[in-house]
Amino acid sequence: PSPLARQQLRLGGCATGGDDCRSKSWDAVSVVSTEASETEQAVPEASAEEWAAAQRLKALVEADASLMVSVDRHRAGESLDRLCLRFACARRRSSEAALALLTKSMRYRDEHSIDVLAGSSLAYVLCADAACPRSSSASPAEVEETFCRQVPHGLLGRDREGRVVCYRSYGSIKLWELKHFGLGAEEVAMHHQWLSEKCLQAMDYQGRWVQIIDIKDVGWSQCMARDNLNFARLLATVDMDQYPERLGQVYIINAPAFFAGTFKLISSWLDQKTRDSIKLLGSDWQEELVKSMDLSILPRHLGGESDLFVEALAKPSFGRSTNRSSSLGSLGSGGFSPVATPGRHGQQANVSNKEEVQIELLSIGTIAGRPSPRFTPEVWLLMVLLVASLCLNFVCAKALLKCDA
């Protein structure tokens, strides 16, 4: 099989699509059957006390007919018992607290139509119902290109415990620049949730996932910017409220030394169990990651053999775009869906066929075409210091000329 087929088989899917996708047999890839059989191991065991709490929560849920409708709509392939177990474990102090969290989650999912989020294209997720006013006339294709360049992302495969591994890189994100394309924190956070839903599809809505967050080249000014801190807090809130007990492990890699202070602040927003699941690693992250996964599943720019893509158990279809198997976004859906798709607030959003996105990504982090020059806060600071230095030299020179006179 091709490299893309091998990678999709690591996630339990197949590269050819079709109704017989799961029935394909690839004897040449011996590791696939082993990893597929380990999927069940990713479902954590629960104690008798935890199951009892889950049953109490289940009784409360079943007593609320309207809540049951929402639960059945959004739980997908997860059983009601497992869903109640996750929320009961997230709020151990009482069944009422667990019910409140579950009700809040279902209300949010109903309002934003999360059940159809994974089936939407990246361009639709970013551009539909954008709340931030645009200061540019960029097309959906240009918006997606810019976003993929700043936030490379994708599903990599499974770790040694059978958990799906998801990769995100925030080292190049510039929230102030994305705002010019109409992408506020809400839109970027919706992308975060879109990728999480893709991850759930890949793991068949069972067990926990592993996140690799790459923050290489993050600058000190980015760590201290209020918008970035608020964005980080928003992502943490979404994960804790919408995906309780889904997190198996988080590896923050390529973290600069000064990030430790920012991480301490971010950790204060998280519960203790989440904090214990996060490992902050510098440039020597390989030694830690190799303990839990085969490093060959990592992206090529990190020394692995994988290309970034998001189509896993969904039947991949690369449309009319050239298949270079190096997708940073959703190539499978061809950009904006021409079919009426529920918007994030429940309304119907009809998108014209003329707005289909055709993107050909040349390599990880590189988009076809030459990007326009951009000035980071560090560059502006350097320019200000340079001008100040020139002014000071001019004043000193003038004072010396007066003294000589």
Protein backbone atom coordinates (compact mmCIF):
# COMPACT_ATOMS: atom_id res chain seq x y z
CA PRO A 1 0.00 0.00 0.00
CA SER A 2 0.99 3.64 -0.50
CA PRO A 3 2.39 5.75 2.38
CA LEU A 4 -1.00 7.42 2.75
CA ALA A 5 -2.72 4.03 2.89
CA ARG A 6 -0.29 2.85 5.57
CA GLN A 7 -0.95 5.96 7.61
CA GLN A 8 -4.72 5.66 7.35
CA LEU A 9 -4.54 1.98 8.21
CA ARG A 10 -2.71 2.95 11.39
CA LEU A 11 -5.91 4.82 12.29
CA GLY A 12 -8.10 1.88 11.32
CA GLY A 13 -9.30 3.34 8.01
CA CYS A 14 -8.46 2.74 4.37
CA ALA A 15 -7.20 4.94 1.58
CA THR A 16 -9.54 3.79 -1.13
CA GLY A 17 -12.92 4.55 0.46
CA GLY A 18 -16.06 2.67 -0.51
CA ASP A 19 -18.51 0.66 1.57
CA ASP A 20 -16.05 -2.23 1.84
CA CYS A 21 -13.36 -0.01 3.39
CA ARG A 22 -13.19 -1.98 6.62
CA SER A 23 -13.13 -5.32 4.82
CA LYS A 24 -9.88 -4.56 2.99
CA SER A 25 -6.99 -6.80 3.99
CA TRP A 26 -3.46 -5.43 3.88
CA ASP A 27 -1.21 -8.33 4.84
CA ALA A 28 1.84 -6.30 3.84
CA VAL A 29 1.36 -4.07 6.88
CA SER A 30 1.68 -6.47 9.78
CA VAL A 31 1.54 -3.75 12.40
CA VAL A 32 -2.01 -2.72 11.45
CA SER A 33 -3.78 -5.75 12.85
CA THR A 34 -1.85 -5.42 16.09
CA GLU A 35 -2.70 -1.76 16.50
CA ALA A 36 -6.32 -2.29 15.54
CA SER A 37 -6.68 -5.03 18.15
CA GLU A 38 -5.28 -2.67 20.76
CA THR A 39 -8.07 -0.15 20.27
CA GLU A 40 -10.11 -1.62 23.12
CA GLN A 41 -7.16 -1.16 25.45
CA ALA A 42 -7.60 2.60 25.03
CA VAL A 43 -10.94 2.36 26.90
CA PRO A 44 -10.04 2.90 30.57
CA GLU A 45 -11.40 0.58 33.22
CA ALA A 46 -13.59 1.97 36.00
CA SER A 47 -13.99 1.03 39.63
CA ALA A 48 -17.23 -0.23 41.12
CA GLU A 49 -17.70 3.14 42.83
CA GLU A 50 -17.32 5.00 39.53
CA TRP A 51 -19.81 2.71 37.80
CA ALA A 52 -22.28 3.25 40.63
CA ALA A 53 -21.95 7.03 40.20
CA ALA A 54 -22.46 6.59 36.46
CA GLN A 55 -25.67 4.62 37.02
CA ARG A 56 -27.01 7.32 39.34
CA LEU A 57 -26.29 9.92 36.67
CA LYS A 58 -27.87 7.73 34.00
CA ALA A 59 -31.08 7.54 36.01
CA LEU A 60 -31.20 11.35 36.22
CA VAL A 61 -30.58 11.69 32.48
CA GLU A 62 -33.26 9.17 31.54
CA ALA A 63 -35.73 11.04 33.74
CA ASP A 64 -35.31 14.16 31.56
CA ALA A 65 -36.88 13.47 28.17
CA SER A 66 -35.53 16.61 26.45
CA LEU A 67 -32.01 15.92 27.71
CA MET A 68 -32.21 12.34 26.45
CA VAL A 69 -33.03 13.65 22.96
CA SER A 70 -29.85 15.75 22.98
CA VAL A 71 -27.76 12.93 24.42
CA ASP A 72 -28.93 10.47 21.77
CA ARG A 73 -28.19 13.07 19.08
CA HIS A 74 -24.62 13.73 20.17
CA ARG A 75 -23.22 10.57 21.72
CA ALA A 76 -22.66 8.96 18.29
CA GLY A 77 -20.97 5.56 18.76
CA GLU A 78 -20.57 5.91 22.53
CA SER A 79 -22.95 4.02 24.78
CA LEU A 80 -25.06 5.92 27.30
CA ASP A 81 -23.33 4.06 30.13
CA ARG A 82 -19.87 5.16 28.95
CA LEU A 83 -20.99 8.74 28.43
CA CYS A 84 -22.45 8.92 31.93
CA LEU A 85 -19.27 7.34 33.30
CA ARG A 86 -17.12 10.10 31.78
CA PHE A 87 -19.24 12.92 33.19
CA ALA A 88 -19.61 11.21 36.57
CA CYS A 89 -15.82 10.87 36.85
CA ALA A 90 -15.39 14.52 35.85
CA ARG A 91 -17.66 15.64 38.73
CA ARG A 92 -17.08 13.13 41.47
CA ARG A 93 -18.49 15.24 44.27
CA SER A 94 -22.14 14.71 43.31
CA SER A 95 -24.46 13.36 40.66
CA GLU A 96 -26.16 16.76 40.48
CA ALA A 97 -22.86 18.44 39.55
CA ALA A 98 -22.25 15.80 36.88
CA LEU A 99 -25.79 16.31 35.54
CA ALA A 100 -25.23 20.09 35.40
CA LEU A 101 -22.01 19.61 33.40
CA LEU A 102 -23.71 17.15 31.02
CA THR A 103 -26.70 19.45 30.53
CA LYS A 104 -24.39 22.39 29.82
CA SER A 105 -22.44 20.34 27.29
CA MET A 106 -25.56 19.12 25.46
CA ARG A 107 -26.99 22.64 25.34
CA TYR A 108 -23.75 23.93 23.81
CA ARG A 109 -23.67 21.08 21.30
CA ASP A 110 -27.27 21.70 20.27
CA GLU A 111 -26.65 25.43 19.85
CA HIS A 112 -23.50 24.97 17.71
CA SER A 113 -24.59 21.80 15.84
CA ILE A 114 -21.51 19.91 16.97
CA ASP A 115 -22.98 16.63 15.73
CA VAL A 116 -22.34 17.71 12.11
CA LEU A 117 -19.07 19.52 12.80
CA ALA A 118 -16.79 16.60 11.88
CA GLY A 119 -18.52 16.23 8.53
CA SER A 120 -17.91 19.88 7.62
CA SER A 121 -14.90 21.12 5.67
CA LEU A 122 -12.19 23.22 7.29
CA ALA A 123 -13.09 26.24 5.14
CA TYR A 124 -16.71 26.01 6.25
CA VAL A 125 -15.74 25.74 9.91
CA LEU A 126 -13.50 28.80 9.64
CA CYS A 127 -15.63 31.02 7.44
CA ALA A 128 -19.29 30.21 8.08
CA ASP A 129 -20.94 32.63 10.51
CA ALA A 130 -17.62 34.38 11.17
CA ALA A 131 -18.28 36.82 13.98
CA CYS A 132 -15.13 38.89 13.47
CA PRO A 133 -15.52 41.56 10.74
CA ARG A 134 -13.08 41.13 7.88
CA SER A 135 -10.67 43.89 6.91
CA SER A 136 -9.63 41.99 3.79
CA SER A 137 -11.49 40.57 0.80
CA ALA A 138 -9.79 37.18 1.05
CA SER A 139 -11.61 34.21 -0.43
CA PRO A 140 -12.36 31.11 1.67
CA ALA A 141 -9.41 29.41 -0.05
CA GLU A 142 -7.03 32.18 1.05
CA VAL A 143 -8.41 32.09 4.58
CA GLU A 144 -7.84 28.34 4.76
CA GLU A 145 -4.34 28.65 3.28
CA THR A 146 -3.36 31.29 5.82
CA PHE A 147 -4.77 29.30 8.71
CA CYS A 148 -3.09 26.04 7.67
CA ARG A 149 0.23 27.82 7.35
CA GLN A 150 -0.09 29.22 10.85
CA VAL A 151 -1.63 26.16 12.53
CA PRO A 152 -0.39 22.87 10.98
CA HIS A 153 -2.52 20.02 12.34
CA GLY A 154 -3.55 16.44 11.74
CA LEU A 155 -4.00 12.89 13.00
CA LEU A 156 -0.83 10.81 13.14
CA GLY A 157 -1.78 7.27 14.14
CA ARG A 158 -1.93 5.37 17.44
CA ASP A 159 0.43 5.11 20.38
CA ARG A 160 1.49 1.85 22.03
CA GLU A 161 -1.75 1.76 24.06
CA GLY A 162 -3.94 2.08 20.98
CA ARG A 163 -4.84 5.73 21.63
CA VAL A 164 -5.21 8.07 18.64
CA VAL A 165 -2.44 10.68 18.46
CA CYS A 166 -3.39 14.18 17.33
CA TYR A 167 -0.86 16.89 16.39
CA ARG A 168 -1.25 20.67 16.56
CA SER A 169 1.38 23.36 16.12
CA TYR A 170 0.80 26.83 17.55
CA GLY A 171 4.34 28.12 17.13
CA SER A 172 3.45 30.26 14.09
CA ILE A 173 -0.06 31.40 15.03
CA LYS A 174 -0.69 35.15 14.89
CA LEU A 175 -4.14 35.91 16.24
CA TRP A 176 -3.90 39.57 15.32
CA GLU A 177 -3.24 38.62 11.70
CA LEU A 178 -6.05 36.05 11.55
CA LYS A 179 -8.47 38.77 12.66
CA HIS A 180 -7.91 40.50 9.31
CA PHE A 181 -9.42 37.39 7.70
CA GLY A 182 -12.44 37.44 9.98
CA LEU A 183 -11.09 34.73 12.28
CA GLY A 184 -11.53 35.64 15.92
CA ALA A 185 -10.82 33.46 18.93
CA GLU A 186 -14.22 31.78 18.55
CA GLU A 187 -13.48 30.62 14.99
CA VAL A 188 -10.02 29.32 15.91
CA ALA A 189 -11.48 27.55 18.95
CA MET A 190 -14.12 26.00 16.69
CA HIS A 191 -11.31 24.59 14.54
CA HIS A 192 -9.82 23.11 17.72
CA GLN A 193 -13.13 21.42 18.43
CA TRP A 194 -13.50 20.34 14.79
CA LEU A 195 -10.19 18.49 14.99
CA SER A 196 -11.23 16.95 18.31
CA GLU A 197 -14.40 15.64 16.65
CA LYS A 198 -12.29 14.20 13.83
CA CYS A 199 -10.20 12.52 16.50
CA LEU A 200 -13.32 11.03 18.09
CA GLN A 201 -14.35 9.62 14.72
CA ALA A 202 -10.94 7.98 14.34
CA MET A 203 -11.19 6.35 17.77
CA ASP A 204 -14.82 5.30 17.19
CA TYR A 205 -15.87 7.46 20.15
CA GLN A 206 -14.17 5.07 22.57
CA GLY A 207 -11.36 5.69 25.06
CA ARG A 208 -8.91 8.59 25.27
CA TRP A 209 -6.60 10.46 22.94
CA VAL A 210 -3.04 11.78 23.01
CA GLN A 211 -2.26 15.35 22.02
CA ILE A 212 1.11 16.62 20.76
CA ILE A 213 1.26 20.42 20.89
CA ASP A 214 4.28 21.92 19.14
CA ILE A 215 5.21 25.47 20.23
CA LYS A 216 8.54 25.77 18.45
CA ASP A 217 9.48 29.39 17.65
CA VAL A 218 6.95 30.83 20.10
CA GLY A 219 8.28 34.21 21.21
CA TRP A 220 8.21 35.79 24.65
CA SER A 221 5.82 38.52 23.48
CA GLN A 222 3.40 35.84 22.22
CA CYS A 223 3.43 34.12 25.60
CA MET A 224 2.61 37.34 27.42
CA ALA A 225 0.04 38.76 24.97
CA ARG A 226 -3.39 39.01 26.58
CA ASP A 227 -5.21 37.78 23.46
CA ASN A 228 -3.07 34.63 23.36
CA LEU A 229 -3.60 33.94 27.06
CA ASN A 230 -7.36 34.40 26.69
CA PHE A 231 -7.29 32.07 23.68
CA ALA A 232 -5.42 29.41 25.67
CA ARG A 233 -7.96 29.70 28.46
CA LEU A 234 -10.81 29.36 25.96
CA LEU A 235 -9.34 26.12 24.57
CA ALA A 236 -8.84 24.74 28.09
CA THR A 237 -12.47 25.51 28.96
CA VAL A 238 -13.78 23.87 25.77
CA ASP A 239 -11.78 20.69 26.43
CA MET A 240 -12.81 20.40 30.07
CA ASP A 241 -16.50 21.13 29.46
CA GLN A 242 -17.04 19.30 26.17
CA TYR A 243 -14.59 16.39 26.36
CA PRO A 244 -14.33 15.28 29.99
CA GLU A 245 -12.18 12.19 30.58
CA ARG A 246 -11.08 12.12 26.93
CA LEU A 247 -7.55 13.26 27.59
CA GLY A 248 -4.99 10.50 27.96
CA GLN A 249 -1.79 12.52 27.63
CA VAL A 250 -0.58 15.89 26.36
CA TYR A 251 2.99 16.47 25.22
CA ILE A 252 3.96 20.11 24.79
CA ILE A 253 7.16 19.91 22.77
CA ASN A 254 9.86 22.39 21.73
CA ALA A 255 8.91 24.64 24.65
CA PRO A 256 11.38 27.50 25.21
CA ALA A 257 12.74 28.02 28.73
CA PHE A 258 10.68 31.17 29.34
CA PHE A 259 7.44 29.29 28.60
CA ALA A 260 7.58 27.71 32.07
CA GLY A 261 6.10 30.88 33.60
CA THR A 262 3.26 30.99 31.09
CA PHE A 263 2.58 27.30 31.60
CA LYS A 264 2.32 27.84 35.35
CA LEU A 265 -0.41 30.42 34.72
CA ILE A 266 -2.24 28.16 32.25
CA SER A 267 -2.03 25.24 34.70
CA SER A 268 -3.91 27.27 37.29
CA TRP A 269 -6.99 27.13 35.04
CA LEU A 270 -6.95 23.33 34.84
CA ASP A 271 -8.12 20.66 37.26
CA GLN A 272 -5.51 18.49 38.96
CA LYS A 273 -6.15 15.44 36.80
CA THR A 274 -5.61 17.44 33.61
CA ARG A 275 -2.42 19.01 35.00
CA ASP A 276 -1.05 15.56 35.79
CA SER A 277 -1.65 14.50 32.16
CA ILE A 278 0.51 17.28 30.68
CA LYS A 279 4.25 16.96 30.10
CA LEU A 280 6.21 20.09 29.23
CA LEU A 281 9.19 19.17 27.06
CA GLY A 282 11.96 21.18 25.43
CA SER A 283 13.91 20.39 22.28
CA ASP A 284 14.92 16.97 23.69
CA TRP A 285 11.37 15.62 23.59
CA GLN A 286 12.23 12.48 21.57
CA GLU A 287 13.41 10.51 24.61
CA GLU A 288 10.05 10.98 26.33
CA LEU A 289 7.79 10.37 23.32
CA VAL A 290 9.53 7.17 22.26
CA LYS A 291 8.35 5.59 25.52
CA SER A 292 4.71 5.81 24.44
CA MET A 293 4.75 5.74 20.62
CA ASP A 294 6.72 4.81 17.55
CA LEU A 295 8.40 8.05 16.43
CA SER A 296 7.83 7.09 12.79
CA ILE A 297 4.20 8.24 13.13
CA LEU A 298 5.36 11.81 13.71
CA PRO A 299 5.21 14.41 10.92
CA ARG A 300 8.16 14.53 8.54
CA HIS A 301 9.36 17.89 9.82
CA LEU A 302 9.79 16.25 13.25
CA GLY A 303 11.75 13.33 11.80
CA GLY A 304 8.83 10.93 11.33
CA GLU A 305 7.28 9.36 8.24
CA SER A 306 3.73 10.74 8.38
CA ASP A 307 2.02 13.52 6.48
CA LEU A 308 -0.59 15.56 8.25
CA PHE A 309 -4.18 14.73 7.33
CA VAL A 310 -7.51 14.74 9.13
CA GLU A 311 -9.53 12.11 7.26
CA ALA A 312 -9.27 8.91 9.29
CA LEU A 313 -12.19 6.48 9.61
CA ALA A 314 -14.24 8.71 7.35
CA LYS A 315 -14.00 7.51 3.78
CA PRO A 316 -11.19 9.63 2.32
CA SER A 317 -11.86 11.33 -0.98
CA PHE A 318 -9.34 13.81 -2.27
CA GLY A 319 -11.76 15.35 -4.75
CA ARG A 320 -10.31 17.11 -7.76
CA SER A 321 -7.20 18.34 -5.99
CA THR A 322 -3.83 16.75 -6.67
CA ASN A 323 -3.16 14.06 -4.08
CA ARG A 324 0.27 14.80 -2.67
CA SER A 325 -0.81 13.23 0.65
CA SER A 326 0.45 16.24 2.60
CA SER A 327 -2.80 17.77 3.80
CA LEU A 328 -2.71 20.29 6.61
CA GLY A 329 -6.43 20.83 6.39
CA SER A 330 -9.43 18.99 5.05
CA LEU A 331 -8.72 18.15 1.43
CA GLY A 332 -11.26 15.37 1.47
CA SER A 333 -14.29 17.65 1.46
CA GLY A 334 -13.11 20.02 -1.24
CA GLY A 335 -13.41 23.14 0.91
CA PHE A 336 -16.86 24.67 1.29
CA SER A 337 -19.61 22.11 1.06
CA PRO A 338 -22.13 22.96 -1.67
CA VAL A 339 -24.78 21.19 0.41
CA ALA A 340 -26.78 23.17 2.96
CA THR A 341 -25.10 22.50 6.28
CA PRO A 342 -26.37 23.63 9.70
CA GLY A 343 -24.42 26.65 10.92
CA ARG A 344 -22.88 26.94 14.31
CA HIS A 345 -26.00 28.54 15.68
CA GLY A 346 -28.42 26.03 14.16
CA GLN A 347 -29.43 27.98 11.06
CA GLN A 348 -29.00 26.69 7.51
CA ALA A 349 -25.99 28.05 5.66
CA ASN A 350 -26.22 27.60 1.88
CA VAL A 351 -22.88 27.91 0.17
CA SER A 352 -22.47 28.26 -3.57
CA ASN A 353 -20.53 25.81 -5.67
CA LYS A 354 -18.48 28.78 -6.88
CA GLU A 355 -16.90 29.02 -3.45
CA GLU A 356 -15.43 25.52 -3.50
CA VAL A 357 -11.94 25.56 -2.15
CA GLN A 358 -9.23 23.94 -4.22
CA ILE A 359 -5.98 23.95 -2.29
CA GLU A 360 -2.80 22.15 -3.17
CA LEU A 361 -0.37 22.08 -0.27
CA LEU A 362 3.19 21.57 -1.39
CA SER A 363 4.73 20.51 1.92
CA ILE A 364 4.33 20.78 5.66
CA GLY A 365 4.00 24.44 6.57
CA THR A 366 4.43 25.64 2.96
CA ILE A 367 1.58 26.94 0.86
CA ALA A 368 1.60 27.48 -2.89
CA GLY A 369 2.44 31.09 -3.61
CA ARG A 370 4.68 33.58 -1.89
CA PRO A 371 3.31 34.91 1.42
CA SER A 372 3.21 38.65 1.92
CA PRO A 373 5.80 40.06 4.35
CA ARG A 374 4.67 40.29 7.97
CA PHE A 375 6.22 42.09 10.92
CA THR A 376 6.15 40.41 14.30
CA PRO A 377 6.18 42.39 17.57
CA GLU A 378 9.86 41.50 17.96
CA VAL A 379 10.67 43.12 14.60
CA TRP A 380 8.73 46.26 15.50
CA LEU A 381 10.56 46.48 18.83
CA LEU A 382 13.90 46.15 17.07
CA MET A 383 12.95 48.91 14.63
CA VAL A 384 11.91 51.23 17.47
CA LEU A 385 15.19 50.61 19.30
CA LEU A 386 17.13 51.28 16.11
CA VAL A 387 15.36 54.59 15.52
CA ALA A 388 15.86 55.59 19.15
CA SER A 389 19.56 54.77 18.87
CA LEU A 390 19.92 56.89 15.73
CA CYS A 391 18.15 59.82 17.40
CA LEU A 392 20.40 59.55 20.45
CA ASN A 393 23.50 59.51 18.26
CA PHE A 394 22.25 62.59 16.42
CA VAL A 395 21.66 64.49 19.68
CA CYS A 396 25.08 63.52 21.04
CA ALA A 397 26.78 64.58 17.80
CA LYS A 398 25.01 67.94 17.86
CA ALA A 399 26.05 68.50 21.47
CA LEU A 400 29.69 67.75 20.63
CA LEU A 401 29.60 70.21 17.74
CA LYS A 402 28.33 72.91 20.11
CA CYS A 403 31.11 72.13 22.59
CA ASP A 404 33.75 72.39 19.81
CA ALA A 405 32.29 75.72 18.73
